[in-house]
N, C-alpha and C. Protein backbone atom coordinates (compact mmCIF):
# COMPACT_ATOMS: atom_id res chain seq x y z
N UNK A 1 0.83 -1.19 0.00
CA UNK A 1 0.00 0.00 0.00
C UNK A 1 0.88 1.26 0.00
N UNK A 2 1.99 1.20 0.70
CA UNK A 2 2.91 2.33 0.71
C UNK A 2 3.51 2.58 -0.66
N UNK A 3 3.81 1.49 -1.38
CA UNK A 3 4.36 1.61 -2.73
C UNK A 3 3.31 2.25 -3.64
N UNK A 4 2.08 1.79 -3.54
CA UNK A 4 1.00 2.35 -4.37
C UNK A 4 0.80 3.82 -4.06
N UNK A 5 0.90 4.19 -2.80
CA UNK A 5 0.74 5.59 -2.41
C UNK A 5 1.83 6.44 -3.04
N UNK A 6 3.06 5.97 -2.96
CA UNK A 6 4.18 6.72 -3.54
C UNK A 6 4.03 6.86 -5.05
N UNK A 7 3.67 5.76 -5.70
CA UNK A 7 3.53 5.81 -7.15
C UNK A 7 2.34 6.67 -7.57
N UNK A 8 1.28 6.70 -6.76
CA UNK A 8 0.15 7.59 -7.06
C UNK A 8 0.56 9.05 -6.94
N UNK A 9 1.37 9.35 -5.94
CA UNK A 9 1.88 10.71 -5.79
C UNK A 9 2.72 11.10 -6.99
N UNK A 10 3.56 10.18 -7.45
CA UNK A 10 4.38 10.44 -8.64
C UNK A 10 3.50 10.64 -9.88
N UNK A 11 2.46 9.82 -10.02
CA UNK A 11 1.54 9.98 -11.15
C UNK A 11 0.86 11.34 -11.10
N UNK A 12 0.44 11.74 -9.91
CA UNK A 12 -0.18 13.05 -9.75
C UNK A 12 0.76 14.16 -10.19
N UNK A 13 1.99 14.09 -9.77
CA UNK A 13 2.99 15.11 -10.12
C UNK A 13 3.21 15.13 -11.63
N UNK A 14 3.35 13.95 -12.23
CA UNK A 14 3.60 13.88 -13.68
C UNK A 14 2.40 14.35 -14.50
N UNK A 15 1.21 14.06 -14.04
CA UNK A 15 0.01 14.51 -14.75
C UNK A 15 -0.11 16.02 -14.68
N UNK A 16 0.27 16.60 -13.56
CA UNK A 16 0.14 18.04 -13.39
C UNK A 16 1.25 18.82 -14.11
N UNK A 17 2.37 18.19 -14.42
CA UNK A 17 3.51 18.89 -15.03
C UNK A 17 3.17 19.61 -16.34
N UNK A 18 2.45 19.00 -17.28
CA UNK A 18 2.11 19.74 -18.51
C UNK A 18 1.24 20.97 -18.24
N UNK A 19 0.39 20.87 -17.24
CA UNK A 19 -0.44 22.03 -16.90
C UNK A 19 0.42 23.17 -16.37
N UNK A 20 1.48 22.81 -15.63
CA UNK A 20 2.41 23.82 -15.16
C UNK A 20 3.07 24.53 -16.34
N UNK A 21 3.43 23.76 -17.37
CA UNK A 21 4.08 24.34 -18.55
C UNK A 21 3.16 25.35 -19.22
N UNK A 22 1.87 25.09 -19.18
CA UNK A 22 0.90 26.00 -19.79
C UNK A 22 0.51 27.14 -18.85
N UNK A 23 0.97 27.07 -17.61
CA UNK A 23 0.63 28.10 -16.64
C UNK A 23 -0.69 27.87 -15.95
N UNK A 24 -1.29 26.69 -16.14
CA UNK A 24 -2.58 26.37 -15.51
C UNK A 24 -2.31 25.79 -14.13
N UNK A 25 -2.98 26.31 -13.14
CA UNK A 25 -2.87 25.77 -11.80
C UNK A 25 -1.65 26.23 -11.02
N UNK A 26 -0.93 27.21 -11.53
CA UNK A 26 0.25 27.68 -10.82
C UNK A 26 -0.07 28.77 -9.82
N UNK A 27 -1.26 29.29 -9.86
CA UNK A 27 -1.62 30.37 -8.96
C UNK A 27 -1.02 31.68 -9.44
N UNK A 28 -1.14 32.68 -8.61
CA UNK A 28 -0.66 34.01 -8.98
C UNK A 28 0.86 34.10 -9.04
N UNK A 29 1.55 33.24 -8.31
CA UNK A 29 3.00 33.35 -8.20
C UNK A 29 3.70 33.17 -9.56
N UNK A 30 3.26 32.19 -10.33
CA UNK A 30 3.95 31.91 -11.59
C UNK A 30 3.06 32.07 -12.82
N UNK A 31 1.84 32.53 -12.64
CA UNK A 31 0.90 32.61 -13.77
C UNK A 31 1.45 33.50 -14.88
N UNK A 32 2.12 34.59 -14.55
CA UNK A 32 2.66 35.48 -15.56
C UNK A 32 4.14 35.27 -15.79
N UNK A 33 4.68 34.18 -15.29
CA UNK A 33 6.11 33.93 -15.37
C UNK A 33 6.53 33.61 -16.80
N UNK A 34 7.79 33.81 -17.03
CA UNK A 34 8.36 33.53 -18.35
C UNK A 34 8.34 32.03 -18.62
N UNK A 35 8.46 31.70 -19.88
CA UNK A 35 8.45 30.30 -20.30
C UNK A 35 9.56 29.51 -19.62
N UNK A 36 10.72 30.11 -19.45
CA UNK A 36 11.84 29.42 -18.81
C UNK A 36 11.50 29.03 -17.37
N UNK A 37 10.80 29.90 -16.66
CA UNK A 37 10.40 29.59 -15.29
C UNK A 37 9.40 28.45 -15.27
N UNK A 38 8.48 28.46 -16.22
CA UNK A 38 7.49 27.38 -16.29
C UNK A 38 8.15 26.05 -16.62
N UNK A 39 9.10 26.09 -17.55
CA UNK A 39 9.82 24.86 -17.90
C UNK A 39 10.62 24.38 -16.69
N UNK A 40 11.18 25.31 -15.94
CA UNK A 40 11.88 24.94 -14.71
C UNK A 40 10.98 24.24 -13.72
N UNK A 41 9.75 24.70 -13.62
CA UNK A 41 8.79 24.05 -12.73
C UNK A 41 8.48 22.65 -13.22
N UNK A 42 8.36 22.48 -14.53
CA UNK A 42 8.09 21.16 -15.10
C UNK A 42 9.26 20.22 -14.84
N UNK A 43 10.47 20.70 -15.08
CA UNK A 43 11.66 19.87 -14.84
C UNK A 43 11.74 19.48 -13.36
N UNK A 44 11.50 20.43 -12.47
CA UNK A 44 11.50 20.13 -11.04
C UNK A 44 10.41 19.12 -10.69
N UNK A 45 9.26 19.23 -11.36
CA UNK A 45 8.17 18.28 -11.12
C UNK A 45 8.57 16.87 -11.54
N UNK A 46 9.19 16.76 -12.70
CA UNK A 46 9.62 15.45 -13.19
C UNK A 46 10.68 14.85 -12.26
N UNK A 47 11.62 15.67 -11.82
CA UNK A 47 12.64 15.19 -10.89
C UNK A 47 12.00 14.73 -9.58
N UNK A 48 11.05 15.52 -9.07
CA UNK A 48 10.35 15.14 -7.84
C UNK A 48 9.60 13.82 -8.02
N UNK A 49 8.94 13.67 -9.16
CA UNK A 49 8.20 12.42 -9.43
C UNK A 49 9.15 11.23 -9.49
N UNK A 50 10.31 11.41 -10.11
CA UNK A 50 11.29 10.32 -10.18
C UNK A 50 11.80 9.95 -8.79
N UNK A 51 11.99 10.94 -7.94
CA UNK A 51 12.43 10.67 -6.57
C UNK A 51 11.36 9.87 -5.83
N UNK A 52 10.10 10.27 -5.99
CA UNK A 52 9.01 9.58 -5.32
C UNK A 52 8.86 8.14 -5.84
N UNK A 53 9.01 7.94 -7.15
CA UNK A 53 8.99 6.58 -7.71
C UNK A 53 10.14 5.77 -7.12
N UNK A 54 11.30 6.39 -6.99
CA UNK A 54 12.45 5.71 -6.40
C UNK A 54 12.22 5.30 -4.96
N UNK A 55 11.54 6.16 -4.21
CA UNK A 55 11.21 5.83 -2.82
C UNK A 55 10.26 4.63 -2.80
N UNK A 56 9.25 4.65 -3.66
CA UNK A 56 8.33 3.52 -3.73
C UNK A 56 9.02 2.23 -4.13
N UNK A 57 9.94 2.33 -5.08
CA UNK A 57 10.67 1.14 -5.52
C UNK A 57 11.58 0.62 -4.41
N UNK A 58 12.23 1.51 -3.68
CA UNK A 58 13.07 1.08 -2.56
C UNK A 58 12.23 0.41 -1.47
N UNK A 59 11.03 0.93 -1.25
CA UNK A 59 10.13 0.31 -0.28
C UNK A 59 9.73 -1.08 -0.78
N UNK A 60 9.44 -1.21 -2.06
CA UNK A 60 9.09 -2.51 -2.64
C UNK A 60 10.22 -3.51 -2.48
N UNK A 61 11.45 -3.03 -2.52
CA UNK A 61 12.62 -3.90 -2.39
C UNK A 61 12.99 -4.17 -0.93
N UNK A 62 12.22 -3.60 0.02
CA UNK A 62 12.45 -3.90 1.43
C UNK A 62 13.54 -3.07 2.08
N UNK A 63 13.83 -1.89 1.58
CA UNK A 63 14.86 -1.03 2.17
C UNK A 63 14.39 -0.51 3.51
N UNK A 64 15.14 -0.81 4.56
CA UNK A 64 14.74 -0.46 5.92
C UNK A 64 14.68 1.06 6.13
N UNK A 65 15.62 1.80 5.59
CA UNK A 65 15.63 3.25 5.78
C UNK A 65 14.43 3.91 5.10
N UNK A 66 14.09 3.43 3.93
CA UNK A 66 12.93 3.95 3.22
C UNK A 66 11.65 3.55 3.96
N UNK A 67 11.64 2.35 4.51
CA UNK A 67 10.50 1.90 5.32
C UNK A 67 10.27 2.87 6.49
N UNK A 68 11.34 3.23 7.19
CA UNK A 68 11.21 4.19 8.29
C UNK A 68 10.76 5.57 7.79
N UNK A 69 11.32 5.99 6.67
CA UNK A 69 10.93 7.26 6.07
C UNK A 69 9.44 7.25 5.72
N UNK A 70 8.97 6.15 5.12
CA UNK A 70 7.58 6.05 4.71
C UNK A 70 6.64 6.15 5.91
N UNK A 71 7.00 5.53 7.00
CA UNK A 71 6.18 5.62 8.21
C UNK A 71 6.09 7.07 8.67
N UNK A 72 7.22 7.76 8.74
CA UNK A 72 7.21 9.16 9.16
C UNK A 72 6.49 10.07 8.18
N UNK A 73 6.71 9.84 6.90
CA UNK A 73 6.08 10.64 5.85
C UNK A 73 4.57 10.53 5.91
N UNK A 74 4.06 9.31 6.00
CA UNK A 74 2.61 9.13 6.05
C UNK A 74 2.02 9.62 7.36
N UNK A 75 2.77 9.54 8.45
CA UNK A 75 2.28 10.11 9.72
C UNK A 75 2.14 11.62 9.59
N UNK A 76 3.10 12.28 8.96
CA UNK A 76 3.01 13.73 8.74
C UNK A 76 1.88 14.09 7.79
N UNK A 77 1.67 13.28 6.76
CA UNK A 77 0.59 13.54 5.82
C UNK A 77 -0.77 13.42 6.49
N UNK A 78 -0.88 12.54 7.46
CA UNK A 78 -2.13 12.43 8.23
C UNK A 78 -2.48 13.77 8.87
N UNK A 79 -1.49 14.39 9.48
CA UNK A 79 -1.73 15.70 10.11
C UNK A 79 -1.99 16.78 9.06
N UNK A 80 -1.38 16.65 7.91
CA UNK A 80 -1.65 17.57 6.81
C UNK A 80 -3.11 17.49 6.37
N UNK A 81 -3.68 16.32 6.46
CA UNK A 81 -5.09 16.14 6.11
C UNK A 81 -6.00 16.95 7.02
N UNK A 82 -5.66 17.03 8.30
CA UNK A 82 -6.43 17.86 9.23
C UNK A 82 -6.30 19.33 8.88
N UNK A 83 -5.10 19.73 8.48
CA UNK A 83 -4.85 21.12 8.14
C UNK A 83 -5.74 21.57 6.98
N UNK A 84 -5.91 20.71 5.99
CA UNK A 84 -6.70 21.07 4.81
C UNK A 84 -8.19 20.81 4.94
N UNK A 85 -8.62 20.23 6.05
CA UNK A 85 -10.02 19.87 6.21
C UNK A 85 -10.94 21.07 6.21
N UNK A 86 -10.55 22.15 6.84
CA UNK A 86 -11.37 23.36 6.88
C UNK A 86 -11.60 23.93 5.49
N UNK A 87 -10.54 24.00 4.71
CA UNK A 87 -10.66 24.48 3.33
C UNK A 87 -11.51 23.53 2.49
N UNK A 88 -11.42 22.24 2.78
CA UNK A 88 -12.20 21.26 2.03
C UNK A 88 -13.69 21.48 2.25
N UNK A 89 -14.08 21.69 3.49
CA UNK A 89 -15.49 21.93 3.77
C UNK A 89 -15.95 23.26 3.20
N UNK A 90 -15.08 24.25 3.21
CA UNK A 90 -15.43 25.55 2.61
C UNK A 90 -15.65 25.40 1.11
N UNK A 91 -14.79 24.64 0.43
CA UNK A 91 -14.96 24.39 -1.00
C UNK A 91 -16.27 23.66 -1.29
N UNK A 92 -16.60 22.73 -0.41
CA UNK A 92 -17.83 21.97 -0.60
C UNK A 92 -19.06 22.85 -0.41
N UNK A 93 -19.08 23.62 0.66
CA UNK A 93 -20.26 24.42 0.95
C UNK A 93 -20.40 25.64 0.05
N UNK A 94 -19.30 26.26 -0.34
CA UNK A 94 -19.37 27.48 -1.14
C UNK A 94 -19.46 27.21 -2.63
N UNK A 95 -18.75 26.18 -3.10
CA UNK A 95 -18.69 25.94 -4.55
C UNK A 95 -19.23 24.59 -4.97
N UNK A 96 -19.52 23.73 -4.01
CA UNK A 96 -20.03 22.41 -4.33
C UNK A 96 -18.98 21.44 -4.83
N UNK A 97 -17.70 21.76 -4.64
CA UNK A 97 -16.61 20.88 -5.08
C UNK A 97 -16.31 19.85 -3.99
N UNK A 98 -16.34 18.60 -4.37
CA UNK A 98 -16.00 17.53 -3.42
C UNK A 98 -14.53 17.13 -3.52
N UNK A 99 -13.83 17.70 -4.50
CA UNK A 99 -12.46 17.28 -4.77
C UNK A 99 -11.52 17.47 -3.60
N UNK A 100 -11.64 18.56 -2.88
CA UNK A 100 -10.75 18.79 -1.74
C UNK A 100 -11.02 17.78 -0.63
N UNK A 101 -12.27 17.36 -0.52
CA UNK A 101 -12.59 16.33 0.47
C UNK A 101 -11.94 15.00 0.10
N UNK A 102 -11.82 14.72 -1.19
CA UNK A 102 -11.16 13.49 -1.63
C UNK A 102 -9.71 13.49 -1.16
N UNK A 103 -9.03 14.60 -1.37
CA UNK A 103 -7.63 14.72 -0.94
C UNK A 103 -7.52 14.55 0.57
N UNK A 104 -8.37 15.26 1.30
CA UNK A 104 -8.34 15.15 2.76
C UNK A 104 -8.66 13.73 3.22
N UNK A 105 -9.64 13.10 2.58
CA UNK A 105 -10.00 11.73 2.96
C UNK A 105 -8.83 10.78 2.73
N UNK A 106 -8.13 10.95 1.61
CA UNK A 106 -6.96 10.11 1.35
C UNK A 106 -5.92 10.29 2.46
N UNK A 107 -5.67 11.54 2.82
CA UNK A 107 -4.65 11.79 3.84
C UNK A 107 -5.10 11.34 5.22
N UNK A 108 -6.38 11.48 5.52
CA UNK A 108 -6.88 11.14 6.86
C UNK A 108 -7.19 9.65 7.02
N UNK A 109 -7.41 8.95 5.92
CA UNK A 109 -7.75 7.52 6.01
C UNK A 109 -6.60 6.64 5.53
N UNK A 110 -6.12 6.90 4.33
CA UNK A 110 -5.10 6.02 3.74
C UNK A 110 -3.76 6.15 4.45
N UNK A 111 -3.33 7.37 4.76
CA UNK A 111 -2.02 7.54 5.42
C UNK A 111 -1.92 6.80 6.74
N UNK A 112 -2.91 6.90 7.66
CA UNK A 112 -2.76 6.13 8.89
C UNK A 112 -2.86 4.62 8.67
N UNK A 113 -3.61 4.20 7.66
CA UNK A 113 -3.67 2.76 7.36
C UNK A 113 -2.29 2.28 6.91
N UNK A 114 -1.61 3.08 6.09
CA UNK A 114 -0.26 2.72 5.66
C UNK A 114 0.67 2.63 6.86
N UNK A 115 0.60 3.60 7.75
CA UNK A 115 1.44 3.57 8.96
C UNK A 115 1.12 2.31 9.78
N UNK A 116 -0.16 2.02 9.94
CA UNK A 116 -0.56 0.84 10.69
C UNK A 116 -0.02 -0.44 10.06
N UNK A 117 -0.17 -0.55 8.74
CA UNK A 117 0.31 -1.76 8.06
C UNK A 117 1.83 -1.88 8.09
N UNK A 118 2.52 -0.76 7.96
CA UNK A 118 3.99 -0.82 7.97
C UNK A 118 4.58 -1.07 9.36
N UNK A 119 3.80 -0.82 10.40
CA UNK A 119 4.31 -1.02 11.76
C UNK A 119 3.80 -2.30 12.40
N UNK A 120 3.07 -3.13 11.65
CA UNK A 120 2.62 -4.41 12.20
C UNK A 120 3.84 -5.27 12.55
N UNK A 121 3.71 -6.12 13.56
CA UNK A 121 4.85 -6.97 13.94
C UNK A 121 5.39 -7.83 12.80
N UNK A 122 4.50 -8.39 11.97
CA UNK A 122 4.99 -9.23 10.87
C UNK A 122 5.72 -8.39 9.82
N UNK A 123 5.31 -7.15 9.62
CA UNK A 123 6.00 -6.29 8.66
C UNK A 123 7.37 -5.91 9.21
N UNK A 124 7.42 -5.56 10.48
CA UNK A 124 8.71 -5.23 11.11
C UNK A 124 9.67 -6.41 11.04
N UNK A 125 9.16 -7.61 11.30
CA UNK A 125 10.01 -8.80 11.24
C UNK A 125 10.48 -9.05 9.81
N UNK A 126 9.60 -8.86 8.84
CA UNK A 126 9.95 -9.10 7.44
C UNK A 126 11.02 -8.11 6.98
N UNK A 127 10.87 -6.85 7.35
CA UNK A 127 11.81 -5.82 6.89
C UNK A 127 13.21 -6.05 7.47
N UNK A 128 13.28 -6.70 8.63
CA UNK A 128 14.58 -6.97 9.25
C UNK A 128 15.35 -8.06 8.50
N UNK A 129 14.65 -9.01 7.91
CA UNK A 129 15.34 -10.17 7.33
C UNK A 129 15.32 -10.22 5.81
N UNK A 130 14.49 -9.43 5.17
CA UNK A 130 14.32 -9.56 3.73
C UNK A 130 15.52 -8.99 2.97
N UNK A 131 15.84 -9.66 1.87
CA UNK A 131 16.84 -9.15 0.94
C UNK A 131 16.09 -8.54 -0.25
N UNK A 132 16.73 -7.63 -0.97
CA UNK A 132 16.05 -7.06 -2.13
C UNK A 132 15.57 -8.13 -3.13
N UNK A 133 16.35 -9.19 -3.30
CA UNK A 133 15.98 -10.25 -4.24
C UNK A 133 14.70 -10.95 -3.78
N UNK A 134 14.62 -11.27 -2.49
CA UNK A 134 13.42 -11.92 -1.97
C UNK A 134 12.21 -10.99 -2.01
N UNK A 135 12.45 -9.72 -1.71
CA UNK A 135 11.35 -8.76 -1.74
C UNK A 135 10.80 -8.59 -3.14
N UNK A 136 11.68 -8.52 -4.12
CA UNK A 136 11.24 -8.36 -5.51
C UNK A 136 10.53 -9.62 -6.01
N UNK A 137 10.96 -10.79 -5.52
CA UNK A 137 10.28 -12.03 -5.90
C UNK A 137 8.86 -12.05 -5.33
N UNK A 138 8.72 -11.56 -4.13
CA UNK A 138 7.39 -11.52 -3.49
C UNK A 138 6.50 -10.45 -4.10
N UNK A 139 7.08 -9.31 -4.42
CA UNK A 139 6.31 -8.19 -4.95
C UNK A 139 6.68 -7.92 -6.41
N UNK A 140 6.55 -8.92 -7.21
CA UNK A 140 6.84 -8.79 -8.63
C UNK A 140 5.74 -9.41 -9.48
N UNK A 141 6.01 -9.59 -10.75
CA UNK A 141 5.05 -10.22 -11.63
C UNK A 141 3.76 -9.44 -11.78
N UNK A 142 2.64 -10.13 -11.64
CA UNK A 142 1.33 -9.48 -11.76
C UNK A 142 1.09 -8.44 -10.67
N UNK A 143 1.74 -8.61 -9.54
CA UNK A 143 1.59 -7.67 -8.43
C UNK A 143 1.90 -6.26 -8.90
N UNK A 144 2.97 -6.09 -9.66
CA UNK A 144 3.36 -4.76 -10.13
C UNK A 144 2.30 -4.18 -11.05
N UNK A 145 1.71 -5.00 -11.90
CA UNK A 145 0.68 -4.52 -12.82
C UNK A 145 -0.50 -3.98 -12.04
N UNK A 146 -0.97 -4.73 -11.06
CA UNK A 146 -2.11 -4.29 -10.26
C UNK A 146 -1.77 -3.05 -9.44
N UNK A 147 -0.59 -3.05 -8.86
CA UNK A 147 -0.18 -1.91 -8.04
C UNK A 147 0.01 -0.67 -8.91
N UNK A 148 0.53 -0.82 -10.12
CA UNK A 148 0.73 0.34 -11.00
C UNK A 148 -0.59 0.89 -11.52
N UNK A 149 -1.59 0.04 -11.70
CA UNK A 149 -2.89 0.48 -12.20
C UNK A 149 -3.58 1.41 -11.21
N UNK A 150 -3.63 1.01 -9.97
CA UNK A 150 -4.33 1.83 -8.95
C UNK A 150 -3.66 3.18 -8.72
N UNK A 151 -2.33 3.26 -8.64
CA UNK A 151 -1.73 4.59 -8.50
C UNK A 151 -1.99 5.50 -9.69
N UNK A 152 -2.03 4.93 -10.89
CA UNK A 152 -2.32 5.77 -12.06
C UNK A 152 -3.71 6.37 -11.95
N UNK A 153 -4.68 5.56 -11.54
CA UNK A 153 -6.05 6.06 -11.38
C UNK A 153 -6.12 7.06 -10.23
N UNK A 154 -5.56 6.68 -9.08
CA UNK A 154 -5.60 7.57 -7.91
C UNK A 154 -4.85 8.87 -8.13
N UNK A 155 -3.70 8.79 -8.75
CA UNK A 155 -2.93 10.00 -9.04
C UNK A 155 -3.68 10.94 -9.97
N UNK A 156 -4.36 10.36 -10.96
CA UNK A 156 -5.15 11.18 -11.89
C UNK A 156 -6.32 11.83 -11.17
N UNK A 157 -6.98 11.09 -10.29
CA UNK A 157 -8.12 11.66 -9.55
C UNK A 157 -7.69 12.86 -8.70
N UNK A 158 -6.54 12.73 -8.05
CA UNK A 158 -6.07 13.85 -7.23
C UNK A 158 -5.55 14.98 -8.11
N UNK A 159 -4.87 14.67 -9.20
CA UNK A 159 -4.35 15.70 -10.10
C UNK A 159 -5.47 16.55 -10.68
N UNK A 160 -6.57 15.91 -11.01
CA UNK A 160 -7.69 16.64 -11.62
C UNK A 160 -8.75 17.02 -10.59
N UNK A 161 -8.38 17.07 -9.32
CA UNK A 161 -9.38 17.33 -8.28
C UNK A 161 -10.00 18.72 -8.37
N UNK A 162 -9.41 19.62 -9.04
CA UNK A 162 -10.01 20.94 -9.18
C UNK A 162 -11.16 20.98 -10.16
N UNK A 163 -11.38 19.89 -10.87
CA UNK A 163 -12.39 19.87 -11.91
C UNK A 163 -13.66 19.11 -11.53
N UNK A 164 -13.71 18.59 -10.31
CA UNK A 164 -14.93 17.91 -9.89
C UNK A 164 -15.28 18.29 -8.48
């Protein structure tokens, strides 16, 4: 689930990158910026997405340091969900947009579930003994296809959340 979350975040970033190049969704800060600045934002977005994919891949391979990072990252994202909850309800009541609630729900529900699953005793025991080869054998084949499908859908839903 942590791998899917990371890959969904990367998909979201990659889907949003072309919109950044066009100046859509950048807000007032970069809306009138030069083309070079917009391209810089796109390049930074692609680099960020590659880093996030790498984190997900390292987690899939059983990297203990990434496992610890993922636990902390998702714990922080849980609190971020509370921070955005007020704005989400305002968007819903004022404009009828449910999209912000989707983002908050993901952060408030999925992030703690990921933390819970990653801190289970059997997961902790597995992460201590697993080698990258064994981890890839366990989380390979059709598993990757299914895991890649859901992040693509989830990332797209969050990327286009301003439109629903």
